[in-house]
Every structure is written in C-alpha cells, then in structure tokens.
Amino acid sequence: MAWPPTLDELKVDLKIDPGDTLDDVRLTQVLDAAVSFVERVRPTFNYEADPVSDLPDPTADLRLGTLRLAGRWHWRRRSPDALIQMAEMGASRVPGFDSDIERLLGIGRYGPMVFG
C-alpha cells in the first residue's frame, strides 16, 4: 500500500463525491498536515518505501488513522471554540481528541510507554 494516503481516499472516507472539487484545496491542506504529523510522531515506519530499510511499511490502521485525523481537522474548523450547534438540541462540546484516532495511530494513551 503506497504512502501517503491520497485526496481521493480522504474524499471516500468523508463521503464526498470524488468529482466534487469545491473543498479540494482545504482537504489537501489538512491531509498534508495529517501526513506530516503522523510521520513526525510515528517515525518507526518506512514511509519512503526504501527497499533496504529495516523499518516496516505503514500499516492499514496507520493509513486509516491518518485519513480520519485529516477528516477530523477538516470538520473541526467549523468549531474553533470547541462548540457545535445542533438545532433544537442546543450546543455540544467537541472534545479535543478522538480515542479511536489515537488507537489507530498508536499515539496518546495508546502509544508506547516512555521512560525517562
């Protein structure tokens, strides 16, 4: 599976028609940021597909976590104050983290233990 995830994959995950180009610039921006973030916080993968590297290739869960992180950042731009309006139901707080994404990426409380 080639790295990094593509804009088309992000659109599929967000249920956006691949022919809809309205948000392509914004989606590309958040996807690039998510890819950079994942490569920085999870450096133990062979992101460059180097055939002589001893590092493992990025896994399917890392790829999905990257797409979900980009999607979260895309939707979160609508709630900079961490609140979202839900019509008759009022406002609801949007948490600053997503445990499913952390689990997929192996970060946060799902990351490796660090001693020191």
PDB file of N, CA and C in Angstrom:
ATOM      1  N   MET A   1       0.840  -1.179   0.000  1.00  0.00           N
ATOM      2  CA  MET A   1       0.000   0.000   0.000  1.00  0.00           C
ATOM      3  C   MET A   1       0.886   1.243   0.000  1.00  0.00           C
ATOM      4  N   ALA A   2       0.737   2.080  -0.990  1.00  0.00           N
ATOM      5  CA  ALA A   2       1.596   3.258  -1.137  1.00  0.00           C
ATOM      6  C   ALA A   2       1.293   4.305  -0.067  1.00  0.00           C
ATOM      7  N   TRP A   3       2.324   5.003   0.315  1.00  0.00           N
ATOM      8  CA  TRP A   3       2.195   6.100   1.277  1.00  0.00           C
ATOM      9  C   TRP A   3       2.520   7.376   0.556  1.00  0.00           C
ATOM     10  N   PRO A   4       1.892   8.459   0.784  1.00  0.00           N
ATOM     11  CA  PRO A   4       0.854   8.748   1.762  1.00  0.00           C
ATOM     12  C   PRO A   4      -0.552   8.514   1.209  1.00  0.00           C
ATOM     13  N   PRO A   5      -1.563   8.571   2.086  1.00  0.00           N
ATOM     14  CA  PRO A   5      -2.945   8.473   1.608  1.00  0.00           C
ATOM     15  C   PRO A   5      -3.249   9.610   0.626  1.00  0.00           C
ATOM     16  N   THR A   6      -4.175   9.373  -0.274  1.00  0.00           N
ATOM     17  CA  THR A   6      -4.481  10.351  -1.323  1.00  0.00           C
ATOM     18  C   THR A   6      -5.727  11.165  -0.999  1.00  0.00           C
ATOM     19  N   LEU A   7      -5.875  12.247  -1.745  1.00  0.00           N
ATOM     20  CA  LEU A   7      -7.060  13.093  -1.622  1.00  0.00           C
ATOM     21  C   LEU A   7      -8.319  12.309  -1.948  1.00  0.00           C
ATOM     22  N   ASP A   8      -8.265  11.461  -2.956  1.00  0.00           N
ATOM     23  CA  ASP A   8      -9.436  10.649  -3.301  1.00  0.00           C
ATOM     24  C   ASP A   8      -9.827   9.713  -2.160  1.00  0.00           C
ATOM     25  N   GLU A   9      -8.851   9.130  -1.479  1.00  0.00           N
ATOM     26  CA  GLU A   9      -9.145   8.265  -0.331  1.00  0.00           C
ATOM     27  C   GLU A   9      -9.806   9.062   0.797  1.00  0.00           C
ATOM     28  N   LEU A  10      -9.332  10.289   1.002  1.00  0.00           N
ATOM     29  CA  LEU A  10      -9.932  11.136   2.033  1.00  0.00           C
ATOM     30  C   LEU A  10     -11.376  11.466   1.677  1.00  0.00           C
ATOM     31  N   LYS A  11     -11.631  11.762   0.409  1.00  0.00           N
ATOM     32  CA  LYS A  11     -12.999  12.064  -0.021  1.00  0.00           C
ATOM     33  C   LYS A  11     -13.915  10.855   0.181  1.00  0.00           C
ATOM     34  N   VAL A  12     -13.432   9.672  -0.118  1.00  0.00           N
ATOM     35  CA  VAL A  12     -14.232   8.464   0.089  1.00  0.00           C
ATOM     36  C   VAL A  12     -14.549   8.312   1.577  1.00  0.00           C
ATOM     37  N   ASP A  13     -13.551   8.514   2.441  1.00  0.00           N
ATOM     38  CA  ASP A  13     -13.761   8.367   3.872  1.00  0.00           C
ATOM     39  C   ASP A  13     -14.745   9.406   4.406  1.00  0.00           C
ATOM     40  N   LEU A  14     -14.751  10.593   3.816  1.00  0.00           N
ATOM     41  CA  LEU A  14     -15.653  11.663   4.248  1.00  0.00           C
ATOM     42  C   LEU A  14     -16.994  11.640   3.511  1.00  0.00           C
ATOM     43  N   LYS A  15     -17.172  10.662   2.637  1.00  0.00           N
ATOM     44  CA  LYS A  15     -18.393  10.545   1.827  1.00  0.00           C
ATOM     45  C   LYS A  15     -18.625  11.778   0.963  1.00  0.00           C
ATOM     46  N   ILE A  16     -17.538  12.256   0.348  1.00  0.00           N
ATOM     47  CA  ILE A  16     -17.590  13.370  -0.593  1.00  0.00           C
ATOM     48  C   ILE A  16     -17.406  12.787  -1.983  1.00  0.00           C
ATOM     49  N   ASP A  17     -18.255  13.168  -2.912  1.00  0.00           N
ATOM     50  CA  ASP A  17     -18.157  12.675  -4.290  1.00  0.00           C
ATOM     51  C   ASP A  17     -16.783  13.028  -4.856  1.00  0.00           C
ATOM     52  N   PRO A  18     -16.072  12.057  -5.439  1.00  0.00           N
ATOM     53  CA  PRO A  18     -14.743  12.337  -5.988  1.00  0.00           C
ATOM     54  C   PRO A  18     -14.739  13.449  -7.042  1.00  0.00           C
ATOM     55  N   GLY A  19     -15.862  13.658  -7.710  1.00  0.00           N
ATOM     56  CA  GLY A  19     -15.946  14.719  -8.719  1.00  0.00           C
ATOM     57  C   GLY A  19     -16.159  16.100  -8.128  1.00  0.00           C
ATOM     58  N   ASP A  20     -16.492  16.182  -6.844  1.00  0.00           N
ATOM     59  CA  ASP A  20     -16.715  17.460  -6.166  1.00  0.00           C
ATOM     60  C   ASP A  20     -15.360  18.057  -5.803  1.00  0.00           C
ATOM     61  N   THR A  21     -14.998  19.138  -6.444  1.00  0.00           N
ATOM     62  CA  THR A  21     -13.688  19.761  -6.228  1.00  0.00           C
ATOM     63  C   THR A  21     -13.759  21.030  -5.379  1.00  0.00           C
ATOM     64  N   LEU A  22     -14.925  21.329  -4.828  1.00  0.00           N
ATOM     65  CA  LEU A  22     -15.141  22.569  -4.093  1.00  0.00           C
ATOM     66  C   LEU A  22     -14.146  22.753  -2.943  1.00  0.00           C
ATOM     67  N   ASP A  23     -13.909  21.713  -2.166  1.00  0.00           N
ATOM     68  CA  ASP A  23     -13.036  21.816  -0.990  1.00  0.00           C
ATOM     69  C   ASP A  23     -11.663  21.177  -1.193  1.00  0.00           C
ATOM     70  N   ASP A  24     -11.264  20.930  -2.423  1.00  0.00           N
ATOM     71  CA  ASP A  24     -10.007  20.227  -2.672  1.00  0.00           C
ATOM     72  C   ASP A  24      -8.793  20.914  -2.056  1.00  0.00           C
ATOM     73  N   VAL A  25      -8.727  22.231  -2.133  1.00  0.00           N
ATOM     74  CA  VAL A  25      -7.570  22.944  -1.575  1.00  0.00           C
ATOM     75  C   VAL A  25      -7.520  22.752  -0.069  1.00  0.00           C
ATOM     76  N   ARG A  26      -8.647  22.929   0.604  1.00  0.00           N
ATOM     77  CA  ARG A  26      -8.711  22.770   2.057  1.00  0.00           C
ATOM     78  C   ARG A  26      -8.437  21.316   2.461  1.00  0.00           C
ATOM     79  N   LEU A  27      -9.024  20.360   1.735  1.00  0.00           N
ATOM     80  CA  LEU A  27      -8.804  18.951   2.057  1.00  0.00           C
ATOM     81  C   LEU A  27      -7.348  18.553   1.855  1.00  0.00           C
ATOM     82  N   THR A  28      -6.738  19.054   0.802  1.00  0.00           N
ATOM     83  CA  THR A  28      -5.321  18.767   0.560  1.00  0.00           C
ATOM     84  C   THR A  28      -4.467  19.337   1.680  1.00  0.00           C
ATOM     85  N   GLN A  29      -4.818  20.530   2.133  1.00  0.00           N
ATOM     86  CA  GLN A  29      -4.077  21.165   3.219  1.00  0.00           C
ATOM     87  C   GLN A  29      -4.138  20.340   4.501  1.00  0.00           C
ATOM     88  N   VAL A  30      -5.328  19.880   4.895  1.00  0.00           N
ATOM     89  CA  VAL A  30      -5.428  19.098   6.132  1.00  0.00           C
ATOM     90  C   VAL A  30      -4.814  17.711   5.969  1.00  0.00           C
ATOM     91  N   LEU A  31      -4.927  17.128   4.775  1.00  0.00           N
ATOM     92  CA  LEU A  31      -4.316  15.815   4.547  1.00  0.00           C
ATOM     93  C   LEU A  31      -2.797  15.912   4.617  1.00  0.00           C
ATOM     94  N   ASP A  32      -2.222  16.937   3.996  1.00  0.00           N
ATOM     95  CA  ASP A  32      -0.765  17.119   4.065  1.00  0.00           C
ATOM     96  C   ASP A  32      -0.301  17.318   5.506  1.00  0.00           C
ATOM     97  N   ALA A  33      -1.070  18.095   6.271  1.00  0.00           N
ATOM     98  CA  ALA A  33      -0.718  18.326   7.678  1.00  0.00           C
ATOM     99  C   ALA A  33      -0.821  17.033   8.485  1.00  0.00           C
ATOM    100  N   ALA A  34      -1.862  16.241   8.235  1.00  0.00           N
ATOM    101  CA  ALA A  34      -2.027  14.976   8.952  1.00  0.00           C
ATOM    102  C   ALA A  34      -0.888  14.013   8.617  1.00  0.00           C
ATOM    103  N   VAL A  35      -0.506  13.939   7.351  1.00  0.00           N
ATOM    104  CA  VAL A  35       0.599  13.069   6.936  1.00  0.00           C
ATOM    105  C   VAL A  35       1.890  13.513   7.628  1.00  0.00           C
ATOM    106  N   SER A  36       2.173  14.812   7.638  1.00  0.00           N
ATOM    107  CA  SER A  36       3.380  15.320   8.305  1.00  0.00           C
ATOM    108  C   SER A  36       3.366  15.010   9.792  1.00  0.00           C
ATOM    109  N   PHE A  37       2.200  15.185  10.415  1.00  0.00           N
ATOM    110  CA  PHE A  37       2.072  14.900  11.836  1.00  0.00           C
ATOM    111  C   PHE A  37       2.354  13.426  12.132  1.00  0.00           C
ATOM    112  N   VAL A  38       1.724  12.549  11.365  1.00  0.00           N
ATOM    113  CA  VAL A  38       1.905  11.109  11.591  1.00  0.00           C
ATOM    114  C   VAL A  38       3.354  10.697  11.365  1.00  0.00           C
ATOM    115  N   GLU A  39       3.973  11.207  10.327  1.00  0.00           N
ATOM    116  CA  GLU A  39       5.375  10.862  10.069  1.00  0.00           C
ATOM    117  C   GLU A  39       6.287  11.355  11.197  1.00  0.00           C
ATOM    118  N   ARG A  40       5.923  12.483  11.820  1.00  0.00           N
ATOM    119  CA  ARG A  40       6.731  13.022  12.913  1.00  0.00           C
ATOM    120  C   ARG A  40       6.535  12.241  14.209  1.00  0.00           C
ATOM    121  N   VAL A  41       5.277  11.896  14.536  1.00  0.00           N
ATOM    122  CA  VAL A  41       5.040  11.236  15.821  1.00  0.00           C
ATOM    123  C   VAL A  41       5.205   9.716  15.761  1.00  0.00           C
ATOM    124  N   ARG A  42       5.217   9.152  14.567  1.00  0.00           N
ATOM    125  CA  ARG A  42       5.417   7.707  14.393  1.00  0.00           C
ATOM    126  C   ARG A  42       6.552   7.458  13.395  1.00  0.00           C
ATOM    127  N   PRO A  43       7.788   7.802  13.771  1.00  0.00           N
ATOM    128  CA  PRO A  43       8.909   7.717  12.833  1.00  0.00           C
ATOM    129  C   PRO A  43       9.416   6.297  12.571  1.00  0.00           C
ATOM    130  N   THR A  44       8.809   5.287  13.165  1.00  0.00           N
ATOM    131  CA  THR A  44       9.331   3.923  13.058  1.00  0.00           C
ATOM    132  C   THR A  44       8.736   3.141  11.887  1.00  0.00           C
ATOM    133  N   PHE A  45       8.341   3.838  10.834  1.00  0.00           N
ATOM    134  CA  PHE A  45       7.811   3.190   9.635  1.00  0.00           C
ATOM    135  C   PHE A  45       8.603   3.630   8.419  1.00  0.00           C
ATOM    136  N   ASN A  46       8.613   2.796   7.403  1.00  0.00           N
ATOM    137  CA  ASN A  46       9.319   3.057   6.154  1.00  0.00           C
ATOM    138  C   ASN A  46       8.387   3.834   5.208  1.00  0.00           C
ATOM    139  N   TYR A  47       8.246   5.122   5.451  1.00  0.00           N
ATOM    140  CA  TYR A  47       7.336   5.956   4.666  1.00  0.00           C
ATOM    141  C   TYR A  47       7.821   6.167   3.240  1.00  0.00           C
ATOM    142  N   GLU A  48       9.118   6.073   3.028  1.00  0.00           N
ATOM    143  CA  GLU A  48       9.699   6.324   1.701  1.00  0.00           C
ATOM    144  C   GLU A  48       9.749   5.078   0.822  1.00  0.00           C
ATOM    145  N   ALA A  49       9.282   3.951   1.312  1.00  0.00           N
ATOM    146  CA  ALA A  49       9.319   2.676   0.583  1.00  0.00           C
ATOM    147  C   ALA A  49      10.742   2.316   0.165  1.00  0.00           C
ATOM    148  N   ASP A  50      11.682   2.576   1.056  1.00  0.00           N
ATOM    149  CA  ASP A  50      13.089   2.261   0.816  1.00  0.00           C
ATOM    150  C   ASP A  50      13.275   0.746   0.901  1.00  0.00           C
ATOM    151  N   PRO A  51      13.705   0.116  -0.204  1.00  0.00           N
ATOM    152  CA  PRO A  51      13.812  -1.349  -0.212  1.00  0.00           C
ATOM    153  C   PRO A  51      14.886  -1.908   0.729  1.00  0.00           C
ATOM    154  N   VAL A  52      15.848  -1.096   1.135  1.00  0.00           N
ATOM    155  CA  VAL A  52      16.897  -1.590   2.030  1.00  0.00           C
ATOM    156  C   VAL A  52      16.627  -1.242   3.498  1.00  0.00           C
ATOM    157  N   SER A  53      15.512  -0.604   3.762  1.00  0.00           N
ATOM    158  CA  SER A  53      15.174  -0.227   5.135  1.00  0.00           C
ATOM    159  C   SER A  53      14.700  -1.437   5.934  1.00  0.00           C
ATOM    160  N   ASP A  54      15.069  -1.452   7.215  1.00  0.00           N
ATOM    161  CA  ASP A  54      14.600  -2.495   8.126  1.00  0.00           C
ATOM    162  C   ASP A  54      13.262  -2.127   8.766  1.00  0.00           C
ATOM    163  N   LEU A  55      12.807  -0.902   8.533  1.00  0.00           N
ATOM    164  CA  LEU A  55      11.546  -0.457   9.130  1.00  0.00           C
ATOM    165  C   LEU A  55      10.366  -1.073   8.391  1.00  0.00           C
ATOM    166  N   PRO A  56       9.265  -1.335   9.094  1.00  0.00           N
ATOM    167  CA  PRO A  56       8.077  -1.902   8.435  1.00  0.00           C
ATOM    168  C   PRO A  56       7.357  -0.835   7.605  1.00  0.00           C
ATOM    169  N   ASP A  57       6.622  -1.280   6.613  1.00  0.00           N
ATOM    170  CA  ASP A  57       5.794  -0.372   5.822  1.00  0.00           C
ATOM    171  C   ASP A  57       4.651   0.144   6.692  1.00  0.00           C
ATOM    172  N   PRO A  58       4.111   1.326   6.374  1.00  0.00           N
ATOM    173  CA  PRO A  58       2.953   1.821   7.121  1.00  0.00           C
ATOM    174  C   PRO A  58       1.808   0.815   7.051  1.00  0.00           C
ATOM    175  N   THR A  59       1.139   0.617   8.167  1.00  0.00           N
ATOM    176  CA  THR A  59       0.066  -0.370   8.261  1.00  0.00           C
ATOM    177  C   THR A  59      -1.277   0.230   7.843  1.00  0.00           C
ATOM    178  N   ALA A  60      -2.244  -0.633   7.634  1.00  0.00           N
ATOM    179  CA  ALA A  60      -3.583  -0.191   7.235  1.00  0.00           C
ATOM    180  C   ALA A  60      -4.221   0.676   8.309  1.00  0.00           C
ATOM    181  N   ASP A  61      -3.997   0.342   9.591  1.00  0.00           N
ATOM    182  CA  ASP A  61      -4.595   1.164  10.644  1.00  0.00           C
ATOM    183  C   ASP A  61      -3.932   2.533  10.738  1.00  0.00           C
ATOM    184  N   LEU A  62      -2.641   2.626  10.448  1.00  0.00           N
ATOM    185  CA  LEU A  62      -1.957   3.912  10.426  1.00  0.00           C
ATOM    186  C   LEU A  62      -2.502   4.770   9.280  1.00  0.00           C
ATOM    187  N   ARG A  63      -2.736   4.148   8.146  1.00  0.00           N
ATOM    188  CA  ARG A  63      -3.282   4.847   6.978  1.00  0.00           C
ATOM    189  C   ARG A  63      -4.693   5.373   7.281  1.00  0.00           C
ATOM    190  N   LEU A  64      -5.551   4.517   7.847  1.00  0.00           N
ATOM    191  CA  LEU A  64      -6.913   4.935   8.177  1.00  0.00           C
ATOM    192  C   LEU A  64      -6.899   6.010   9.258  1.00  0.00           C
ATOM    193  N   GLY A  65      -6.040   5.866  10.237  1.00  0.00           N
ATOM    194  CA  GLY A  65      -5.926   6.881  11.282  1.00  0.00           C
ATOM    195  C   GLY A  65      -5.524   8.230  10.723  1.00  0.00           C
ATOM    196  N   THR A  66      -4.630   8.231   9.739  1.00  0.00           N
ATOM    197  CA  THR A  66      -4.204   9.471   9.090  1.00  0.00           C
ATOM    198  C   THR A  66      -5.375  10.115   8.350  1.00  0.00           C
ATOM    199  N   LEU A  67      -6.146   9.300   7.629  1.00  0.00           N
ATOM    200  CA  LEU A  67      -7.321   9.817   6.921  1.00  0.00           C
ATOM    201  C   LEU A  67      -8.350  10.369   7.903  1.00  0.00           C
ATOM    202  N   ARG A  68      -8.593   9.654   8.993  1.00  0.00           N
ATOM    203  CA  ARG A  68      -9.581  10.099   9.980  1.00  0.00           C
ATOM    204  C   ARG A  68      -9.116  11.371  10.682  1.00  0.00           C
ATOM    205  N   LEU A  69      -7.815  11.478  10.937  1.00  0.00           N
ATOM    206  CA  LEU A  69      -7.280  12.688  11.550  1.00  0.00           C
ATOM    207  C   LEU A  69      -7.477  13.880  10.620  1.00  0.00           C
ATOM    208  N   ALA A  70      -7.176  13.701   9.349  1.00  0.00           N
ATOM    209  CA  ALA A  70      -7.379  14.777   8.369  1.00  0.00           C
ATOM    210  C   ALA A  70      -8.858  15.154   8.298  1.00  0.00           C
ATOM    211  N   GLY A  71      -9.734  14.166   8.297  1.00  0.00           N
ATOM    212  CA  GLY A  71     -11.171  14.429   8.279  1.00  0.00           C
ATOM    213  C   GLY A  71     -11.627  15.182   9.515  1.00  0.00           C
ATOM    214  N   ARG A  72     -11.097  14.801  10.657  1.00  0.00           N
ATOM    215  CA  ARG A  72     -11.453  15.486  11.910  1.00  0.00           C
ATOM    216  C   ARG A  72     -11.023  16.935  11.862  1.00  0.00           C
ATOM    217  N   TRP A  73      -9.806  17.182  11.394  1.00  0.00           N
ATOM    218  CA  TRP A  73      -9.331  18.564  11.291  1.00  0.00           C
ATOM    219  C   TRP A  73     -10.172  19.360  10.295  1.00  0.00           C
ATOM    220  N   HIS A  74     -10.594  18.707   9.218  1.00  0.00           N
ATOM    221  CA  HIS A  74     -11.433  19.376   8.216  1.00  0.00           C
ATOM    222  C   HIS A  74     -12.754  19.813   8.838  1.00  0.00           C
ATOM    223  N   TRP A  75     -13.420  18.938   9.567  1.00  0.00           N
ATOM    224  CA  TRP A  75     -14.713  19.266  10.162  1.00  0.00           C
ATOM    225  C   TRP A  75     -14.574  20.166  11.378  1.00  0.00           C
ATOM    226  N   ARG A  76     -13.485  20.034  12.097  1.00  0.00           N
ATOM    227  CA  ARG A  76     -13.301  20.825  13.325  1.00  0.00           C
ATOM    228  C   ARG A  76     -13.105  22.308  13.029  1.00  0.00           C
ATOM    229  N   ARG A  77     -12.737  22.663  11.838  1.00  0.00           N
ATOM    230  CA  ARG A  77     -12.561  24.071  11.512  1.00  0.00           C
ATOM    231  C   ARG A  77     -13.862  24.848  11.703  1.00  0.00           C
ATOM    232  N   ARG A  78     -14.981  24.150  11.691  1.00  0.00           N
ATOM    233  CA  ARG A  78     -16.292  24.782  11.884  1.00  0.00           C
ATOM    234  C   ARG A  78     -16.594  25.055  13.357  1.00  0.00           C
ATOM    235  N   SER A  79     -15.754  24.536  14.239  1.00  0.00           N
ATOM    236  CA  SER A  79     -15.996  24.729  15.673  1.00  0.00           C
ATOM    237  C   SER A  79     -14.708  25.161  16.372  1.00  0.00           C
ATOM    238  N   PRO A  80     -14.185  26.347  16.031  1.00  0.00           N
ATOM    239  CA  PRO A  80     -12.915  26.772  16.636  1.00  0.00           C
ATOM    240  C   PRO A  80     -13.011  26.962  18.146  1.00  0.00           C
ATOM    241  N   ASP A  81     -14.211  27.218  18.663  1.00  0.00           N
ATOM    242  CA  ASP A  81     -14.373  27.379  20.103  1.00  0.00           C
ATOM    243  C   ASP A  81     -14.756  26.065  20.782  1.00  0.00           C
ATOM    244  N   ALA A  82     -14.660  24.955  20.038  1.00  0.00           N
ATOM    245  CA  ALA A  82     -14.941  23.599  20.533  1.00  0.00           C
ATOM    246  C   ALA A  82     -16.420  23.373  20.841  1.00  0.00           C
ATOM    247  N   LEU A  83     -17.289  24.192  20.256  1.00  0.00           N
ATOM    248  CA  LEU A  83     -18.731  24.010  20.411  1.00  0.00           C
ATOM    249  C   LEU A  83     -19.363  23.857  19.040  1.00  0.00           C
ATOM    250  N   ILE A  84     -20.391  23.040  18.967  1.00  0.00           N
ATOM    251  CA  ILE A  84     -21.123  22.862  17.724  1.00  0.00           C
ATOM    252  C   ILE A  84     -22.618  22.999  18.016  1.00  0.00           C
ATOM    253  N   GLN A  85     -23.318  23.726  17.157  1.00  0.00           N
ATOM    254  CA  GLN A  85     -24.753  23.937  17.325  1.00  0.00           C
ATOM    255  C   GLN A  85     -25.513  22.779  16.694  1.00  0.00           C
ATOM    256  N   MET A  86     -26.504  22.257  17.418  1.00  0.00           N
ATOM    257  CA  MET A  86     -27.299  21.139  16.911  1.00  0.00           C
ATOM    258  C   MET A  86     -28.786  21.483  16.937  1.00  0.00           C
ATOM    259  N   ALA A  87     -29.159  22.523  16.200  1.00  0.00           N
ATOM    260  CA  ALA A  87     -30.553  22.958  16.034  1.00  0.00           C
ATOM    261  C   ALA A  87     -31.283  23.020  17.370  1.00  0.00           C
ATOM    262  N   GLU A  88     -32.386  22.280  17.491  1.00  0.00           N
ATOM    263  CA  GLU A  88     -33.224  22.336  18.696  1.00  0.00           C
ATOM    264  C   GLU A  88     -32.522  21.782  19.931  1.00  0.00           C
ATOM    265  N   MET A  89     -31.506  20.991  19.725  1.00  0.00           N
ATOM    266  CA  MET A  89     -30.838  20.329  20.847  1.00  0.00           C
ATOM    267  C   MET A  89     -29.825  21.243  21.537  1.00  0.00           C
ATOM    268  N   GLY A  90     -29.548  22.397  20.963  1.00  0.00           N
ATOM    269  CA  GLY A  90     -28.606  23.326  21.567  1.00  0.00           C
ATOM    270  C   GLY A  90     -27.173  23.068  21.142  1.00  0.00           C
ATOM    271  N   ALA A  91     -26.247  23.503  21.974  1.00  0.00           N
ATOM    272  CA  ALA A  91     -24.825  23.371  21.673  1.00  0.00           C
ATOM    273  C   ALA A  91     -24.235  22.152  22.378  1.00  0.00           C
ATOM    274  N   SER A  92     -23.185  21.612  21.786  1.00  0.00           N
ATOM    275  CA  SER A  92     -22.484  20.471  22.366  1.00  0.00           C
ATOM    276  C   SER A  92     -20.983  20.713  22.246  1.00  0.00           C
ATOM    277  N   ARG A  93     -20.244  20.268  23.228  1.00  0.00           N
ATOM    278  CA  ARG A  93     -18.789  20.424  23.213  1.00  0.00           C
ATOM    279  C   ARG A  93     -18.150  19.346  22.339  1.00  0.00           C
ATOM    280  N   VAL A  94     -17.181  19.762  21.541  1.00  0.00           N
ATOM    281  CA  VAL A  94     -16.423  18.839  20.699  1.00  0.00           C
ATOM    282  C   VAL A  94     -15.098  18.574  21.406  1.00  0.00           C
ATOM    283  N   PRO A  95     -14.837  17.325  21.809  1.00  0.00           N
ATOM    284  CA  PRO A  95     -13.586  17.056  22.527  1.00  0.00           C
ATOM    285  C   PRO A  95     -12.367  17.319  21.635  1.00  0.00           C
ATOM    286  N   GLY A  96     -11.259  17.668  22.264  1.00  0.00           N
ATOM    287  CA  GLY A  96     -10.038  17.981  21.536  1.00  0.00           C
ATOM    288  C   GLY A  96      -9.267  16.756  21.068  1.00  0.00           C
ATOM    289  N   PHE A  97      -9.748  15.566  21.372  1.00  0.00           N
ATOM    290  CA  PHE A  97      -9.073  14.345  20.938  1.00  0.00           C
ATOM    291  C   PHE A  97     -10.124  13.313  20.569  1.00  0.00           C
ATOM    292  N   ASP A  98      -9.704  12.305  19.874  1.00  0.00           N
ATOM    293  CA  ASP A  98     -10.591  11.209  19.477  1.00  0.00           C
ATOM    294  C   ASP A  98      -9.862   9.914  19.803  1.00  0.00           C
ATOM    295  N   SER A  99     -10.395   9.147  20.741  1.00  0.00           N
ATOM    296  CA  SER A  99      -9.691   7.937  21.183  1.00  0.00           C
ATOM    297  C   SER A  99      -9.566   6.901  20.067  1.00  0.00           C
ATOM    298  N   ASP A 100     -10.526   6.860  19.133  1.00  0.00           N
ATOM    299  CA  ASP A 100     -10.406   5.921  18.011  1.00  0.00           C
ATOM    300  C   ASP A 100      -9.227   6.278  17.122  1.00  0.00           C
ATOM    301  N   ILE A 101      -9.042   7.564  16.853  1.00  0.00           N
ATOM    302  CA  ILE A 101      -7.910   8.002  16.030  1.00  0.00           C
ATOM    303  C   ILE A 101      -6.606   7.737  16.769  1.00  0.00           C
ATOM    304  N   GLU A 102      -6.567   8.034  18.065  1.00  0.00           N
ATOM    305  CA  GLU A 102      -5.359   7.751  18.846  1.00  0.00           C
ATOM    306  C   GLU A 102      -5.023   6.263  18.819  1.00  0.00           C
ATOM    307  N   ARG A 103      -6.046   5.424  18.895  1.00  0.00           N
ATOM    308  CA  ARG A 103      -5.831   3.973  18.863  1.00  0.00           C
ATOM    309  C   ARG A 103      -5.285   3.554  17.495  1.00  0.00           C
ATOM    310  N   LEU A 104      -5.866   4.063  16.420  1.00  0.00           N
ATOM    311  CA  LEU A 104      -5.400   3.707  15.073  1.00  0.00           C
ATOM    312  C   LEU A 104      -3.957   4.138  14.838  1.00  0.00           C
ATOM    313  N   LEU A 105      -3.612   5.328  15.343  1.00  0.00           N
ATOM    314  CA  LEU A 105      -2.267   5.866  15.118  1.00  0.00           C
ATOM    315  C   LEU A 105      -1.250   5.395  16.154  1.00  0.00           C
ATOM    316  N   GLY A 106      -1.736   4.810  17.241  1.00  0.00           N
ATOM    317  CA  GLY A 106      -0.817   4.373  18.290  1.00  0.00           C
ATOM    318  C   GLY A 106      -0.152   5.537  18.994  1.00  0.00           C
ATOM    319  N   ILE A 107      -0.945   6.581  19.285  1.00  0.00           N
ATOM    320  CA  ILE A 107      -0.413   7.761  19.970  1.00  0.00           C
ATOM    321  C   ILE A 107      -1.238   8.011  21.228  1.00  0.00           C
ATOM    322  N   GLY A 108      -0.850   9.045  21.981  1.00  0.00           N
ATOM    323  CA  GLY A 108      -1.582   9.371  23.207  1.00  0.00           C
ATOM    324  C   GLY A 108      -1.504   8.218  24.186  1.00  0.00           C
ATOM    325  N   ARG A 109      -2.606   7.895  24.800  1.00  0.00           N
ATOM    326  CA  ARG A 109      -2.602   6.806  25.783  1.00  0.00           C
ATOM    327  C   ARG A 109      -2.431   5.438  25.134  1.00  0.00           C
ATOM    328  N   TYR A 110      -2.532   5.370  23.802  1.00  0.00           N
ATOM    329  CA  TYR A 110      -2.336   4.103  23.083  1.00  0.00           C
ATOM    330  C   TYR A 110      -0.928   3.994  22.494  1.00  0.00           C
ATOM    331  N   GLY A 111      -0.094   4.962  22.773  1.00  0.00           N
ATOM    332  CA  GLY A 111       1.272   4.937  22.283  1.00  0.00           C
ATOM    333  C   GLY A 111       2.172   4.085  23.158  1.00  0.00           C
ATOM    334  N   PRO A 112       3.393   3.893  22.710  1.00  0.00           N
ATOM    335  CA  PRO A 112       4.335   3.108  23.508  1.00  0.00           C
ATOM    336  C   PRO A 112       4.681   3.825  24.811  1.00  0.00           C
ATOM    337  N   MET A 113       4.985   3.047  25.824  1.00  0.00           N
ATOM    338  CA  MET A 113       5.383   3.635  27.102  1.00  0.00           C
ATOM    339  C   MET A 113       6.724   4.317  26.946  1.00  0.00           C
ATOM    340  N   VAL A 114       6.854   5.461  27.592  1.00  0.00           N
ATOM    341  CA  VAL A 114       8.098   6.238  27.537  1.00  0.00           C
ATOM    342  C   VAL A 114       8.640   6.362  28.954  1.00  0.00           C
ATOM    343  N   PHE A 115       9.860   5.975  29.123  1.00  0.00           N
ATOM    344  CA  PHE A 115      10.519   6.076  30.423  1.00  0.00           C
ATOM    345  C   PHE A 115      11.581   7.153  30.344  1.00  0.00           C
ATOM    346  N   GLY A 116      11.670   7.928  31.374  1.00  0.00           N
ATOM    347  CA  GLY A 116      12.764   8.865  31.336  1.00  0.00           C
ATOM    348  C   GLY A 116      12.543  10.047  32.073  1.00  0.00           C
TER     349      GLY A 116
END
